[in-house]
Amino acid sequence: MSKVFICAAIPDELATREEGAVAVATAIEAGDERRARAKFHWQFLEHYPAAQDCAYKFIVCEDKPGIPRPALDSWDAEYMQENRWDEESASFVPVETESDPMNVTFDKLAPEVQNAVMVKFDTCENITVDMVISAQELLQEDMATFDGHIVEALMKMPEVNAMYPELKLHAIGWVKHKCIPGAKWPEIQAEMRIWKKRREGERKETGKYTSVVDLARARANQQYT
C-alpha cells in the first residue's frame, strides 16, 4: 500500500550564493521511505540536472495529518519559504513570522493618548500600535502611578497641554527630574508652572522668542521639504 512522503531538497550556502539554487519540495507516493527517497533523488536530478554540481541536503518524511504538504508531483519553492524542517518533531512546520508593529500617526491620536505615550516612552516619533496600547494603561489601571499623575497634570493645565509635543517632552522631562516618584498631579502641576515660567524668562533674556505661528510654519516646512 502506497503512502505519501514529503520530500525536500535544500542547497548549501555556496550553491545558493553562486548558482542561485533554491530549496524545493514535493510530495511522492511510495511503499516506504527508502523507495520514496530513491524516487525523489531520481526525479529531482531529472528535473534539475544542474543540481549534480551542487551540494544538497535531502529530507524525506512521511506525511502526517495536520502538517503542511506540497502538491503531489510538483516542485514547490514557495512551500520551503513558508515551512521549515523541525528536527524535534521530524516534520515540516510553518515558519513563524514576526509581527511587524504598525506605526501610527502621532498627531491623529487623542490628546490624552498623546500625553500618555510621551510620558511612557519619552518620544513622539516612530510610535507603534503596541506602544499606544501600553501607554493607555496610564489612562486606566495605572492612573494612580507617578506617570499617570503626570498625564493628569498635563490634561489639567491647558497652557502646557496646548503646546507642541516637542515642548511638552521638555516639560515631562523637567517634572520627572524635579518631582519625587510619589508626587501627585497637584505637585506635578506646580512644578510644570515653574518650568513654564523659567522657559518664558529664558526667552525674554535671550530675545530668541519663537511664536506658536513660527513653530507651526517651521514644522510645515520640514514636512514639505
Protein backbone atom coordinates (compact mmCIF):
# COMPACT_ATOMS: atom_id res chain seq x y z
CA MET A 1 0.00 0.00 0.00
CA SER A 2 1.42 3.35 -1.05
CA LYS A 3 1.95 6.19 1.37
CA VAL A 4 2.57 9.88 0.77
CA PHE A 5 6.01 11.27 1.62
CA ILE A 6 7.11 14.89 1.76
CA CYS A 7 10.48 15.30 0.07
CA ALA A 8 12.69 18.39 0.10
CA ALA A 9 16.00 19.37 -1.46
CA ILE A 10 17.87 22.15 0.35
CA PRO A 11 21.02 23.62 -1.28
CA ASP A 12 24.02 24.66 0.80
CA GLU A 13 25.05 28.30 1.14
CA LEU A 14 27.62 28.10 -1.67
CA ALA A 15 25.09 26.75 -4.16
CA THR A 16 22.58 29.38 -3.10
CA ARG A 17 25.08 32.22 -3.37
CA GLU A 18 26.96 31.27 -6.55
CA GLU A 19 24.44 29.20 -8.50
CA GLY A 20 21.21 30.81 -7.35
CA ALA A 21 19.92 27.42 -6.20
CA VAL A 22 16.69 27.41 -4.19
CA ALA A 23 15.11 24.86 -1.88
CA VAL A 24 12.20 22.93 -3.37
CA ALA A 25 9.77 20.32 -2.09
CA THR A 26 7.32 17.82 -3.50
CA ALA A 27 5.06 15.01 -2.34
CA ILE A 28 5.65 11.48 -3.63
CA GLU A 29 3.68 8.27 -3.31
CA ALA A 30 5.76 5.22 -2.44
CA GLY A 31 5.59 1.97 -0.49
CA ASP A 32 8.10 3.05 2.15
CA GLU A 33 10.61 5.78 2.95
CA ARG A 34 13.51 4.04 1.20
CA ARG A 35 11.58 3.81 -2.08
CA ALA A 36 10.34 7.38 -1.67
CA ARG A 37 13.90 8.64 -1.20
CA ALA A 38 15.17 6.77 -4.27
CA LYS A 39 12.27 8.01 -6.38
CA PHE A 40 12.77 11.55 -5.16
CA HIS A 41 16.51 11.59 -5.96
CA TRP A 42 15.87 10.32 -9.47
CA GLN A 43 13.02 12.77 -10.19
CA PHE A 44 14.91 15.71 -8.70
CA LEU A 45 18.05 15.18 -10.78
CA GLU A 46 15.94 14.61 -13.87
CA HIS A 47 14.13 17.90 -13.32
CA TYR A 48 17.20 19.82 -12.12
CA PRO A 49 20.21 18.31 -13.94
CA ALA A 50 22.47 21.23 -12.92
CA ALA A 51 21.94 20.21 -9.30
CA GLN A 52 24.52 17.44 -9.81
CA ASP A 53 27.22 20.10 -9.49
CA CYS A 54 25.82 21.46 -6.20
CA ALA A 55 25.61 20.20 -2.64
CA TYR A 56 22.08 19.49 -1.43
CA LYS A 57 20.55 18.17 1.75
CA PHE A 58 17.69 15.78 1.03
CA ILE A 59 14.87 15.35 3.54
CA VAL A 60 12.17 12.70 3.27
CA CYS A 61 9.41 12.23 5.84
CA GLU A 62 6.06 10.53 5.86
CA ASP A 63 3.05 12.80 5.51
CA LYS A 64 1.15 13.25 8.76
CA PRO A 65 -2.30 14.68 9.47
CA GLY A 66 -2.23 18.36 10.34
CA ILE A 67 1.14 19.25 8.81
CA PRO A 68 1.50 21.31 5.61
CA ARG A 69 2.19 19.35 2.45
CA PRO A 70 3.26 20.35 -1.07
CA ALA A 71 1.25 19.11 -4.04
CA LEU A 72 1.96 15.67 -5.46
CA ASP A 73 4.47 15.51 -8.32
CA SER A 74 5.18 19.25 -8.35
CA TRP A 75 8.25 21.30 -7.44
CA ASP A 76 7.27 23.86 -4.86
CA ALA A 77 9.77 26.56 -3.83
CA GLU A 78 7.12 28.60 -2.03
CA TYR A 79 6.44 25.69 0.32
CA MET A 80 10.05 25.85 1.51
CA GLN A 81 9.74 29.57 2.20
CA GLU A 82 6.60 29.10 4.28
CA ASN A 83 7.74 25.98 6.16
CA ARG A 84 10.89 24.71 7.84
CA TRP A 85 12.23 21.33 8.88
CA ASP A 86 11.85 20.70 12.62
CA GLU A 87 14.31 18.11 13.92
CA GLU A 88 12.44 17.53 17.16
CA SER A 89 9.15 16.54 15.54
CA ALA A 90 10.84 15.16 12.39
CA SER A 91 8.36 17.03 10.22
CA PHE A 92 7.84 20.31 8.41
CA VAL A 93 6.21 23.10 10.41
CA PRO A 94 5.06 26.58 9.35
CA VAL A 95 7.61 29.36 9.68
CA GLU A 96 6.67 31.70 12.48
CA THR A 97 6.53 35.18 11.04
CA GLU A 98 7.38 38.07 13.34
CA SER A 99 4.56 40.51 13.63
CA ASP A 100 5.53 43.81 12.08
CA PRO A 101 4.43 46.52 14.50
CA MET A 102 2.26 49.03 12.69
CA ASN A 103 3.25 52.65 13.01
CA VAL A 104 0.56 55.13 13.91
CA THR A 105 0.31 58.83 13.13
CA PHE A 106 1.03 60.55 16.42
CA ASP A 107 -0.86 63.74 15.53
CA LYS A 108 -4.05 61.73 14.96
CA LEU A 109 -4.08 60.31 18.49
CA ALA A 110 -6.36 61.86 21.09
CA PRO A 111 -4.56 64.47 23.26
CA GLU A 112 -4.70 62.32 26.39
CA VAL A 113 -3.27 59.36 24.47
CA GLN A 114 -0.50 61.55 23.03
CA ASN A 115 0.40 62.63 26.55
CA ALA A 116 0.38 59.06 27.82
CA VAL A 117 2.68 57.95 25.00
CA MET A 118 5.13 60.79 25.65
CA VAL A 119 5.17 60.18 29.40
CA LYS A 120 5.60 56.43 28.97
CA PHE A 121 8.21 56.44 26.18
CA ASP A 122 9.73 59.98 26.22
CA THR A 123 9.19 60.37 22.49
CA CYS A 124 6.59 61.40 19.93
CA GLU A 125 8.25 59.73 16.94
CA ASN A 126 8.05 56.23 15.43
CA ILE A 127 5.06 55.31 17.56
CA THR A 128 3.63 51.81 17.09
CA VAL A 129 0.26 50.31 17.90
CA ASP A 130 1.84 48.28 20.71
CA MET A 131 3.28 51.45 22.25
CA VAL A 132 -0.13 53.13 22.18
CA ILE A 133 -1.79 50.12 23.81
CA SER A 134 0.88 50.05 26.52
CA ALA A 135 0.68 53.80 27.15
CA GLN A 136 -3.10 53.74 27.50
CA GLU A 137 -2.62 51.86 30.76
CA LEU A 138 -1.72 55.26 32.25
CA LEU A 139 -5.29 56.34 31.48
CA GLN A 140 -6.80 53.26 33.06
CA GLU A 141 -5.39 50.89 35.69
CA ASP A 142 -2.13 52.87 36.09
CA MET A 143 -3.75 56.27 36.61
CA ALA A 144 -2.62 56.35 40.24
CA THR A 145 1.06 55.87 39.37
CA PHE A 146 3.58 58.71 39.11
CA ASP A 147 3.43 58.61 35.30
CA GLY A 148 -0.36 58.52 35.46
CA HIS A 149 -0.36 61.68 37.58
CA ILE A 150 1.95 63.40 35.06
CA VAL A 151 -0.62 62.70 32.33
CA GLU A 152 -3.38 64.05 34.56
CA ALA A 153 -1.36 67.18 35.35
CA LEU A 154 -0.86 67.84 31.64
CA MET A 155 -4.56 67.44 30.90
CA LYS A 156 -5.45 69.86 33.73
CA MET A 157 -3.01 72.52 32.54
CA PRO A 158 -4.32 73.82 29.18
CA GLU A 159 -1.47 76.28 28.64
CA VAL A 160 1.03 73.40 28.60
CA ASN A 161 -1.29 70.81 27.09
CA ALA A 162 -1.76 73.04 24.04
CA MET A 163 1.97 73.17 23.33
CA TYR A 164 3.65 71.21 20.58
CA PRO A 165 4.74 67.69 21.54
CA GLU A 166 8.41 68.63 21.41
CA LEU A 167 7.86 71.29 24.07
CA LYS A 168 5.70 69.02 26.20
CA LEU A 169 8.50 66.47 26.19
CA HIS A 170 10.71 69.12 27.82
CA ALA A 171 8.04 69.71 30.46
CA ILE A 172 7.68 65.98 31.07
CA GLY A 173 11.43 65.57 31.42
CA TRP A 174 11.57 68.50 33.83
CA VAL A 175 8.92 67.17 36.22
CA LYS A 176 10.35 63.65 36.11
CA HIS A 177 13.66 65.11 37.25
CA LYS A 178 12.29 67.55 39.81
CA CYS A 179 9.41 65.64 41.40
CA ILE A 180 9.69 62.72 43.77
CA PRO A 181 8.33 59.41 42.37
CA GLY A 182 5.33 59.52 44.71
CA ALA A 183 4.22 63.02 43.69
CA LYS A 184 0.56 63.55 42.78
CA TRP A 185 -0.79 65.68 39.97
CA PRO A 186 -1.15 68.93 42.02
CA GLU A 187 2.56 68.90 42.96
CA ILE A 188 3.48 67.93 39.41
CA GLN A 189 1.33 70.72 38.03
CA ALA A 190 3.04 73.22 40.35
CA GLU A 191 6.43 72.09 39.04
CA MET A 192 5.16 72.46 35.47
CA ARG A 193 4.26 76.07 36.23
CA ILE A 194 7.81 76.64 37.45
CA TRP A 195 9.12 75.10 34.21
CA LYS A 196 6.80 77.30 32.14
CA LYS A 197 7.84 80.50 33.95
CA ARG A 198 11.51 79.54 33.69
CA ARG A 199 11.13 78.92 29.96
CA GLU A 200 9.35 82.24 29.43
CA GLY A 201 12.07 84.03 31.40
CA GLU A 202 14.81 82.45 29.31
CA ARG A 203 13.09 83.52 26.10
CA LYS A 204 12.86 87.11 27.31
CA GLU A 205 16.51 87.18 28.39
CA THR A 206 17.86 85.77 25.14
CA GLY A 207 15.38 87.55 22.93
CA LYS A 208 15.06 84.37 20.92
CA TYR A 209 11.31 84.17 21.14
CA THR A 210 9.63 81.81 18.73
CA SER A 211 5.90 82.24 18.43
CA VAL A 212 3.44 79.40 18.05
CA VAL A 213 2.81 80.56 14.49
CA ASP A 214 6.53 80.42 13.71
CA LEU A 215 6.75 76.93 15.17
CA ALA A 216 3.82 75.83 13.02
CA ARG A 217 5.42 77.28 9.90
CA ALA A 218 8.76 75.64 10.66
CA ARG A 219 7.07 72.32 11.24
CA ALA A 220 5.13 72.60 7.97
CA ASN A 221 8.31 73.45 6.08
CA GLN A 222 10.00 70.34 7.47
CA GLN A 223 7.12 68.18 6.29
CA TYR A 224 7.02 69.54 2.76
CA THR A 225 10.71 69.99 2.01
